[in-house]
Structures are given as structure tokens and as C-alpha cells.
Amino acid sequence: MKSLIGCTFGKVCNDIPGACIVLQMILVVVLSSVLGYLFVTQELLQ
């Protein structure tokens, strides 16, 4: 499964050079938002 994702990701990166950077940035922002949201909701609920 991981190799399949790597293969697809590699193809996208080869086709669009800037896509990798953008996708990584979006992933970081989404993860940060989700973790921040979970942290805030947990703090408010207590």
C-alpha cells in the first residue's frame, strides 16, 4: 500500500514539480488545524 502511494505521489511530482511542495504544505496545515481543534475542544470540555 505504501509503495502504491509512493508511486502515485512520484508520478504527480514528476508531472507537476510544485505539486509536492503544495501538497506537503496543505497536509501540514490540515494536521495542525485538526490537532489544534482537538486540543481546544478537549480543554473546553473539561
C-alpha atoms as a PDB file:
ATOM      1  CA  MET A   1       0.000   0.000   0.000  1.00  0.00           C
ATOM      2  CA  LYS A   2       2.765   2.410   0.941  1.00  0.00           C
ATOM      3  CA  SER A   3       4.673   1.699  -2.277  1.00  0.00           C
ATOM      4  CA  LEU A   4       1.500   2.289  -4.292  1.00  0.00           C
ATOM      5  CA  ILE A   5       1.015   5.698  -2.652  1.00  0.00           C
ATOM      6  CA  GLY A   6       4.700   6.492  -3.213  1.00  0.00           C
ATOM      7  CA  CYS A   7       4.383   5.537  -6.881  1.00  0.00           C
ATOM      8  CA  THR A   8       1.308   7.697  -7.432  1.00  0.00           C
ATOM      9  CA  PHE A   9       2.839  10.551  -5.473  1.00  0.00           C
ATOM     10  CA  GLY A  10       6.039  10.267  -7.514  1.00  0.00           C
ATOM     11  CA  LYS A  11       4.088  10.415 -10.791  1.00  0.00           C
ATOM     12  CA  VAL A  12       2.233  13.531  -9.646  1.00  0.00           C
ATOM     13  CA  CYS A  13       5.511  15.120  -8.569  1.00  0.00           C
ATOM     14  CA  ASN A  14       7.108  14.372 -11.928  1.00  0.00           C
ATOM     15  CA  ASP A  15       4.145  15.818 -13.813  1.00  0.00           C
ATOM     16  CA  ILE A  16       3.790  18.941 -11.665  1.00  0.00           C
ATOM     17  CA  PRO A  17       7.042  19.872  -9.848  1.00  0.00           C
ATOM     18  CA  GLY A  18       5.381  22.378  -7.497  1.00  0.00           C
ATOM     19  CA  ALA A  19       2.582  19.975  -6.527  1.00  0.00           C
ATOM     20  CA  CYS A  20       4.718  18.101  -3.974  1.00  0.00           C
ATOM     21  CA  ILE A  21       5.567  21.232  -2.019  1.00  0.00           C
ATOM     22  CA  VAL A  22       1.978  22.462  -2.110  1.00  0.00           C
ATOM     23  CA  LEU A  23       0.592  19.068  -1.055  1.00  0.00           C
ATOM     24  CA  GLN A  24       3.055  18.826   1.830  1.00  0.00           C
ATOM     25  CA  MET A  25       2.183  22.350   2.993  1.00  0.00           C
ATOM     26  CA  ILE A  26      -1.555  21.592   2.801  1.00  0.00           C
ATOM     27  CA  LEU A  27      -1.009  18.355   4.722  1.00  0.00           C
ATOM     28  CA  VAL A  28       0.896  20.168   7.475  1.00  0.00           C
ATOM     29  CA  VAL A  29      -1.764  22.886   7.734  1.00  0.00           C
ATOM     30  CA  VAL A  30      -4.609  20.341   7.872  1.00  0.00           C
ATOM     31  CA  LEU A  31      -2.855  18.236  10.516  1.00  0.00           C
ATOM     32  CA  SER A  32      -2.071  21.309  12.610  1.00  0.00           C
ATOM     33  CA  SER A  33      -5.664  22.514  12.348  1.00  0.00           C
ATOM     34  CA  VAL A  34      -7.106  19.149  13.357  1.00  0.00           C
ATOM     35  CA  LEU A  35      -4.717  18.751  16.297  1.00  0.00           C
ATOM     36  CA  GLY A  36      -5.363  22.328  17.421  1.00  0.00           C
ATOM     37  CA  TYR A  37      -9.119  21.838  17.161  1.00  0.00           C
ATOM     38  CA  LEU A  38      -8.987  18.594  19.157  1.00  0.00           C
ATOM     39  CA  PHE A  39      -6.808  20.222  21.815  1.00  0.00           C
ATOM     40  CA  VAL A  40      -9.107  23.240  22.163  1.00  0.00           C
ATOM     41  CA  THR A  41     -12.281  21.142  22.337  1.00  0.00           C
ATOM     42  CA  GLN A  42     -10.734  18.868  24.975  1.00  0.00           C
ATOM     43  CA  GLU A  43      -9.699  21.861  27.070  1.00  0.00           C
ATOM     44  CA  LEU A  44     -13.137  23.485  26.783  1.00  0.00           C
ATOM     45  CA  LEU A  45     -14.986  20.289  27.682  1.00  0.00           C
ATOM     46  CA  GLN A  46     -13.103  19.842  30.953  1.00  0.00           C
END
